[in-house]
PDB file of N, CA and C in Angstrom:
ATOM      1  N   MET A   1     -34.085 -15.796 -52.784  1.00  0.00           N
ATOM      2  CA  MET A   1     -35.494 -15.912 -53.139  1.00  0.00           C
ATOM      3  C   MET A   1     -36.319 -15.970 -51.861  1.00  0.00           C
ATOM      4  N   ASP A   2     -37.269 -15.119 -51.771  1.00  0.00           N
ATOM      5  CA  ASP A   2     -38.137 -15.103 -50.603  1.00  0.00           C
ATOM      6  C   ASP A   2     -39.279 -16.086 -50.800  1.00  0.00           C
ATOM      7  N   GLY A   3     -39.695 -16.680 -49.697  1.00  0.00           N
ATOM      8  CA  GLY A   3     -40.811 -17.610 -49.739  1.00  0.00           C
ATOM      9  C   GLY A   3     -42.118 -16.881 -49.540  1.00  0.00           C
ATOM     10  N   PRO A   4     -43.198 -17.622 -49.517  1.00  0.00           N
ATOM     11  CA  PRO A   4     -44.502 -17.005 -49.276  1.00  0.00           C
ATOM     12  C   PRO A   4     -44.558 -16.397 -47.878  1.00  0.00           C
ATOM     13  N   THR A   5     -45.402 -15.411 -47.730  1.00  0.00           N
ATOM     14  CA  THR A   5     -45.577 -14.771 -46.433  1.00  0.00           C
ATOM     15  C   THR A   5     -46.586 -15.576 -45.625  1.00  0.00           C
ATOM     16  N   LEU A   6     -46.197 -15.974 -44.443  1.00  0.00           N
ATOM     17  CA  LEU A   6     -47.071 -16.740 -43.574  1.00  0.00           C
ATOM     18  C   LEU A   6     -47.742 -15.794 -42.590  1.00  0.00           C
ATOM     19  N   SER A   7     -48.979 -16.095 -42.260  1.00  0.00           N
ATOM     20  CA  SER A   7     -49.750 -15.257 -41.348  1.00  0.00           C
ATOM     21  C   SER A   7     -49.576 -15.737 -39.916  1.00  0.00           C
ATOM     22  N   ARG A   8     -49.297 -14.807 -39.046  1.00  0.00           N
ATOM     23  CA  ARG A   8     -49.167 -15.150 -37.635  1.00  0.00           C
ATOM     24  C   ARG A   8     -50.457 -14.844 -36.875  1.00  0.00           C
ATOM     25  N   THR A   9     -51.450 -14.337 -37.587  1.00  0.00           N
ATOM     26  CA  THR A   9     -52.707 -13.981 -36.934  1.00  0.00           C
ATOM     27  C   THR A   9     -53.908 -14.716 -37.512  1.00  0.00           C
ATOM     28  N   GLY A  10     -53.712 -15.521 -38.543  1.00  0.00           N
ATOM     29  CA  GLY A  10     -54.822 -16.208 -39.206  1.00  0.00           C
ATOM     30  C   GLY A  10     -55.310 -17.409 -38.419  1.00  0.00           C
ATOM     31  N   GLY A  11     -56.188 -18.153 -39.038  1.00  0.00           N
ATOM     32  CA  GLY A  11     -56.790 -19.316 -38.404  1.00  0.00           C
ATOM     33  C   GLY A  11     -55.911 -20.546 -38.391  1.00  0.00           C
ATOM     34  N   GLN A  12     -54.868 -20.579 -39.236  1.00  0.00           N
ATOM     35  CA  GLN A  12     -53.982 -21.730 -39.288  1.00  0.00           C
ATOM     36  C   GLN A  12     -52.724 -21.473 -38.471  1.00  0.00           C
ATOM     37  N   THR A  13     -52.197 -22.541 -37.886  1.00  0.00           N
ATOM     38  CA  THR A  13     -50.919 -22.415 -37.188  1.00  0.00           C
ATOM     39  C   THR A  13     -49.806 -22.295 -38.222  1.00  0.00           C
ATOM     40  N   LEU A  14     -48.631 -21.875 -37.771  1.00  0.00           N
ATOM     41  CA  LEU A  14     -47.488 -21.792 -38.671  1.00  0.00           C
ATOM     42  C   LEU A  14     -47.135 -23.174 -39.220  1.00  0.00           C
ATOM     43  N   VAL A  15     -47.238 -24.197 -38.391  1.00  0.00           N
ATOM     44  CA  VAL A  15     -46.950 -25.564 -38.842  1.00  0.00           C
ATOM     45  C   VAL A  15     -47.891 -25.941 -39.984  1.00  0.00           C
ATOM     46  N   GLU A  16     -49.175 -25.663 -39.818  1.00  0.00           N
ATOM     47  CA  GLU A  16     -50.153 -25.978 -40.863  1.00  0.00           C
ATOM     48  C   GLU A  16     -49.853 -25.205 -42.143  1.00  0.00           C
ATOM     49  N   GLN A  17     -49.415 -23.967 -42.006  1.00  0.00           N
ATOM     50  CA  GLN A  17     -49.095 -23.163 -43.185  1.00  0.00           C
ATOM     51  C   GLN A  17     -47.856 -23.697 -43.902  1.00  0.00           C
ATOM     52  N   VAL A  18     -46.853 -24.123 -43.144  1.00  0.00           N
ATOM     53  CA  VAL A  18     -45.662 -24.722 -43.753  1.00  0.00           C
ATOM     54  C   VAL A  18     -46.048 -26.011 -44.472  1.00  0.00           C
ATOM     55  N   MET A  19     -46.902 -26.809 -43.857  1.00  0.00           N
ATOM     56  CA  MET A  19     -47.381 -28.036 -44.500  1.00  0.00           C
ATOM     57  C   MET A  19     -48.097 -27.704 -45.807  1.00  0.00           C
ATOM     58  N   GLU A  20     -48.881 -26.654 -45.799  1.00  0.00           N
ATOM     59  CA  GLU A  20     -49.611 -26.241 -47.002  1.00  0.00           C
ATOM     60  C   GLU A  20     -48.652 -25.795 -48.103  1.00  0.00           C
ATOM     61  N   VAL A  21     -47.622 -25.035 -47.734  1.00  0.00           N
ATOM     62  CA  VAL A  21     -46.624 -24.596 -48.707  1.00  0.00           C
ATOM     63  C   VAL A  21     -45.963 -25.807 -49.354  1.00  0.00           C
ATOM     64  N   LEU A  22     -45.546 -26.759 -48.540  1.00  0.00           N
ATOM     65  CA  LEU A  22     -44.895 -27.952 -49.076  1.00  0.00           C
ATOM     66  C   LEU A  22     -45.859 -28.789 -49.896  1.00  0.00           C
ATOM     67  N   GLY A  23     -47.089 -28.929 -49.427  1.00  0.00           N
ATOM     68  CA  GLY A  23     -48.096 -29.679 -50.171  1.00  0.00           C
ATOM     69  C   GLY A  23     -48.364 -29.075 -51.531  1.00  0.00           C
ATOM     70  N   THR A  24     -48.392 -27.748 -51.583  1.00  0.00           N
ATOM     71  CA  THR A  24     -48.605 -27.048 -52.853  1.00  0.00           C
ATOM     72  C   THR A  24     -47.433 -27.283 -53.802  1.00  0.00           C
ATOM     73  N   ARG A  25     -46.220 -27.243 -53.269  1.00  0.00           N
ATOM     74  CA  ARG A  25     -45.036 -27.502 -54.098  1.00  0.00           C
ATOM     75  C   ARG A  25     -45.063 -28.918 -54.652  1.00  0.00           C
ATOM     76  N   ILE A  26     -45.440 -29.867 -53.807  1.00  0.00           N
ATOM     77  CA  ILE A  26     -45.488 -31.264 -54.237  1.00  0.00           C
ATOM     78  C   ILE A  26     -46.584 -31.450 -55.286  1.00  0.00           C
ATOM     79  N   ALA A  27     -47.768 -30.908 -55.016  1.00  0.00           N
ATOM     80  CA  ALA A  27     -48.892 -31.045 -55.950  1.00  0.00           C
ATOM     81  C   ALA A  27     -48.610 -30.346 -57.274  1.00  0.00           C
ATOM     82  N   GLY A  28     -47.893 -29.243 -57.220  1.00  0.00           N
ATOM     83  CA  GLY A  28     -47.562 -28.490 -58.426  1.00  0.00           C
ATOM     84  C   GLY A  28     -46.338 -29.019 -59.136  1.00  0.00           C
ATOM     85  N   ARG A  29     -45.835 -30.150 -58.670  1.00  0.00           N
ATOM     86  CA  ARG A  29     -44.660 -30.816 -59.252  1.00  0.00           C
ATOM     87  C   ARG A  29     -43.399 -29.962 -59.197  1.00  0.00           C
ATOM     88  N   LYS A  30     -43.366 -28.985 -58.280  1.00  0.00           N
ATOM     89  CA  LYS A  30     -42.135 -28.221 -58.069  1.00  0.00           C
ATOM     90  C   LYS A  30     -41.162 -29.032 -57.234  1.00  0.00           C
ATOM     91  N   ALA A  31     -41.686 -30.043 -56.569  1.00  0.00           N
ATOM     92  CA  ALA A  31     -40.866 -31.014 -55.846  1.00  0.00           C
ATOM     93  C   ALA A  31     -41.217 -32.369 -56.449  1.00  0.00           C
ATOM     94  N   ALA A  32     -40.353 -32.853 -57.309  1.00  0.00           N
ATOM     95  CA  ALA A  32     -40.621 -34.093 -58.037  1.00  0.00           C
ATOM     96  C   ALA A  32     -40.529 -35.300 -57.112  1.00  0.00           C
ATOM     97  N   PRO A  33     -41.273 -36.364 -57.441  1.00  0.00           N
ATOM     98  CA  PRO A  33     -41.178 -37.593 -56.643  1.00  0.00           C
ATOM     99  C   PRO A  33     -39.723 -38.068 -56.580  1.00  0.00           C
ATOM    100  N   GLY A  34     -39.283 -38.392 -55.383  1.00  0.00           N
ATOM    101  CA  GLY A  34     -37.918 -38.869 -55.181  1.00  0.00           C
ATOM    102  C   GLY A  34     -36.900 -37.769 -54.958  1.00  0.00           C
ATOM    103  N   SER A  35     -37.297 -36.516 -55.163  1.00  0.00           N
ATOM    104  CA  SER A  35     -36.352 -35.422 -54.940  1.00  0.00           C
ATOM    105  C   SER A  35     -36.274 -35.112 -53.447  1.00  0.00           C
ATOM    106  N   ARG A  36     -35.217 -34.451 -53.085  1.00  0.00           N
ATOM    107  CA  ARG A  36     -35.026 -34.094 -51.688  1.00  0.00           C
ATOM    108  C   ARG A  36     -35.815 -32.833 -51.356  1.00  0.00           C
ATOM    109  N   LEU A  37     -36.357 -32.814 -50.166  1.00  0.00           N
ATOM    110  CA  LEU A  37     -37.018 -31.606 -49.676  1.00  0.00           C
ATOM    111  C   LEU A  37     -35.944 -30.617 -49.242  1.00  0.00           C
ATOM    112  N   PRO A  38     -36.286 -29.336 -49.165  1.00  0.00           N
ATOM    113  CA  PRO A  38     -35.307 -28.358 -48.680  1.00  0.00           C
ATOM    114  C   PRO A  38     -34.856 -28.719 -47.258  1.00  0.00           C
ATOM    115  N   SER A  39     -33.626 -28.363 -46.939  1.00  0.00           N
ATOM    116  CA  SER A  39     -33.153 -28.622 -45.585  1.00  0.00           C
ATOM    117  C   SER A  39     -34.015 -27.848 -44.598  1.00  0.00           C
ATOM    118  N   ILE A  40     -34.049 -28.327 -43.380  1.00  0.00           N
ATOM    119  CA  ILE A  40     -34.837 -27.670 -42.332  1.00  0.00           C
ATOM    120  C   ILE A  40     -34.382 -26.224 -42.173  1.00  0.00           C
ATOM    121  N   ARG A  41     -33.097 -26.025 -42.105  1.00  0.00           N
ATOM    122  CA  ARG A  41     -32.553 -24.675 -41.914  1.00  0.00           C
ATOM    123  C   ARG A  41     -32.915 -23.767 -43.089  1.00  0.00           C
ATOM    124  N   HIS A  42     -32.755 -24.268 -44.302  1.00  0.00           N
ATOM    125  CA  HIS A  42     -33.041 -23.452 -45.487  1.00  0.00           C
ATOM    126  C   HIS A  42     -34.516 -23.060 -45.541  1.00  0.00           C
ATOM    127  N   LEU A  43     -35.401 -24.025 -45.339  1.00  0.00           N
ATOM    128  CA  LEU A  43     -36.828 -23.734 -45.413  1.00  0.00           C
ATOM    129  C   LEU A  43     -37.250 -22.788 -44.288  1.00  0.00           C
ATOM    130  N   ALA A  44     -36.706 -22.989 -43.096  1.00  0.00           N
ATOM    131  CA  ALA A  44     -37.026 -22.096 -41.974  1.00  0.00           C
ATOM    132  C   ALA A  44     -36.605 -20.664 -42.296  1.00  0.00           C
ATOM    133  N   ASP A  45     -35.410 -20.506 -42.845  1.00  0.00           N
ATOM    134  CA  ASP A  45     -34.934 -19.175 -43.213  1.00  0.00           C
ATOM    135  C   ASP A  45     -35.787 -18.577 -44.333  1.00  0.00           C
ATOM    136  N   GLN A  46     -36.133 -19.409 -45.325  1.00  0.00           N
ATOM    137  CA  GLN A  46     -36.919 -18.941 -46.464  1.00  0.00           C
ATOM    138  C   GLN A  46     -38.308 -18.466 -46.036  1.00  0.00           C
ATOM    139  N   LEU A  47     -38.923 -19.189 -45.093  1.00  0.00           N
ATOM    140  CA  LEU A  47     -40.283 -18.858 -44.678  1.00  0.00           C
ATOM    141  C   LEU A  47     -40.336 -17.944 -43.459  1.00  0.00           C
ATOM    142  N   GLY A  48     -39.196 -17.725 -42.821  1.00  0.00           N
ATOM    143  CA  GLY A  48     -39.164 -16.852 -41.654  1.00  0.00           C
ATOM    144  C   GLY A  48     -39.793 -17.463 -40.418  1.00  0.00           C
ATOM    145  N   VAL A  49     -39.599 -18.778 -40.251  1.00  0.00           N
ATOM    146  CA  VAL A  49     -40.126 -19.485 -39.081  1.00  0.00           C
ATOM    147  C   VAL A  49     -38.985 -20.200 -38.378  1.00  0.00           C
ATOM    148  N   SER A  50     -39.266 -20.730 -37.207  1.00  0.00           N
ATOM    149  CA  SER A  50     -38.230 -21.451 -36.469  1.00  0.00           C
ATOM    150  C   SER A  50     -38.013 -22.832 -37.092  1.00  0.00           C
ATOM    151  N   ARG A  51     -36.850 -23.375 -36.825  1.00  0.00           N
ATOM    152  CA  ARG A  51     -36.537 -24.723 -37.322  1.00  0.00           C
ATOM    153  C   ARG A  51     -37.477 -25.758 -36.733  1.00  0.00           C
ATOM    154  N   SER A  52     -37.871 -25.570 -35.486  1.00  0.00           N
ATOM    155  CA  SER A  52     -38.775 -26.542 -34.859  1.00  0.00           C
ATOM    156  C   SER A  52     -40.136 -26.564 -35.559  1.00  0.00           C
ATOM    157  N   THR A  53     -40.552 -25.432 -36.102  1.00  0.00           N
ATOM    158  CA  THR A  53     -41.803 -25.378 -36.862  1.00  0.00           C
ATOM    159  C   THR A  53     -41.692 -26.243 -38.108  1.00  0.00           C
ATOM    160  N   VAL A  54     -40.575 -26.138 -38.807  1.00  0.00           N
ATOM    161  CA  VAL A  54     -40.356 -26.941 -40.018  1.00  0.00           C
ATOM    162  C   VAL A  54     -40.240 -28.421 -39.661  1.00  0.00           C
ATOM    163  N   VAL A  55     -39.538 -28.736 -38.587  1.00  0.00           N
ATOM    164  CA  VAL A  55     -39.410 -30.137 -38.165  1.00  0.00           C
ATOM    165  C   VAL A  55     -40.781 -30.736 -37.903  1.00  0.00           C
ATOM    166  N   GLU A  56     -41.624 -30.009 -37.189  1.00  0.00           N
ATOM    167  CA  GLU A  56     -42.964 -30.522 -36.900  1.00  0.00           C
ATOM    168  C   GLU A  56     -43.780 -30.685 -38.178  1.00  0.00           C
ATOM    169  N   ALA A  57     -43.667 -29.732 -39.101  1.00  0.00           N
ATOM    170  CA  ALA A  57     -44.393 -29.838 -40.372  1.00  0.00           C
ATOM    171  C   ALA A  57     -43.918 -31.059 -41.147  1.00  0.00           C
ATOM    172  N   TYR A  58     -42.606 -31.275 -41.227  1.00  0.00           N
ATOM    173  CA  TYR A  58     -42.066 -32.453 -41.916  1.00  0.00           C
ATOM    174  C   TYR A  58     -42.565 -33.739 -41.240  1.00  0.00           C
ATOM    175  N   ASP A  59     -42.524 -33.760 -39.921  1.00  0.00           N
ATOM    176  CA  ASP A  59     -42.982 -34.949 -39.188  1.00  0.00           C
ATOM    177  C   ASP A  59     -44.440 -35.257 -39.483  1.00  0.00           C
ATOM    178  N   ARG A  60     -45.262 -34.229 -39.516  1.00  0.00           N
ATOM    179  CA  ARG A  60     -46.697 -34.439 -39.795  1.00  0.00           C
ATOM    180  C   ARG A  60     -46.915 -34.913 -41.233  1.00  0.00           C
ATOM    181  N   LEU A  61     -46.163 -34.364 -42.174  1.00  0.00           N
ATOM    182  CA  LEU A  61     -46.296 -34.790 -43.567  1.00  0.00           C
ATOM    183  C   LEU A  61     -45.867 -36.243 -43.740  1.00  0.00           C
ATOM    184  N   VAL A  62     -44.853 -36.659 -43.012  1.00  0.00           N
ATOM    185  CA  VAL A  62     -44.436 -38.071 -43.048  1.00  0.00           C
ATOM    186  C   VAL A  62     -45.540 -38.938 -42.453  1.00  0.00           C
ATOM    187  N   ALA A  63     -46.094 -38.520 -41.333  1.00  0.00           N
ATOM    188  CA  ALA A  63     -47.154 -39.292 -40.677  1.00  0.00           C
ATOM    189  C   ALA A  63     -48.382 -39.423 -41.571  1.00  0.00           C
ATOM    190  N   GLU A  64     -48.656 -38.385 -42.381  1.00  0.00           N
ATOM    191  CA  GLU A  64     -49.797 -38.412 -43.281  1.00  0.00           C
ATOM    192  C   GLU A  64     -49.505 -39.146 -44.590  1.00  0.00           C
ATOM    193  N   GLY A  65     -48.239 -39.527 -44.790  1.00  0.00           N
ATOM    194  CA  GLY A  65     -47.856 -40.245 -46.008  1.00  0.00           C
ATOM    195  C   GLY A  65     -47.645 -39.350 -47.218  1.00  0.00           C
ATOM    196  N   VAL A  66     -47.543 -38.061 -46.999  1.00  0.00           N
ATOM    197  CA  VAL A  66     -47.336 -37.124 -48.107  1.00  0.00           C
ATOM    198  C   VAL A  66     -45.894 -37.182 -48.592  1.00  0.00           C
ATOM    199  N   VAL A  67     -44.974 -37.336 -47.657  1.00  0.00           N
ATOM    200  CA  VAL A  67     -43.548 -37.466 -48.007  1.00  0.00           C
ATOM    201  C   VAL A  67     -43.000 -38.738 -47.407  1.00  0.00           C
TER     202      VAL A  67
END
């Protein structure tokens, strides 16, 4: 299953776009409370970004209290 296409030329960074993808999944209840998030490697492969991009997005979401 392919993930959403992220823009490398838009106004948002890749980290911000990954955060948005995860936020949308959480808000849309595709990721239920208490469920595990996709592994860093899996999400990076699905979205076509580096693992460090996903790590930073996860870190920011934790800091914001989203996850």
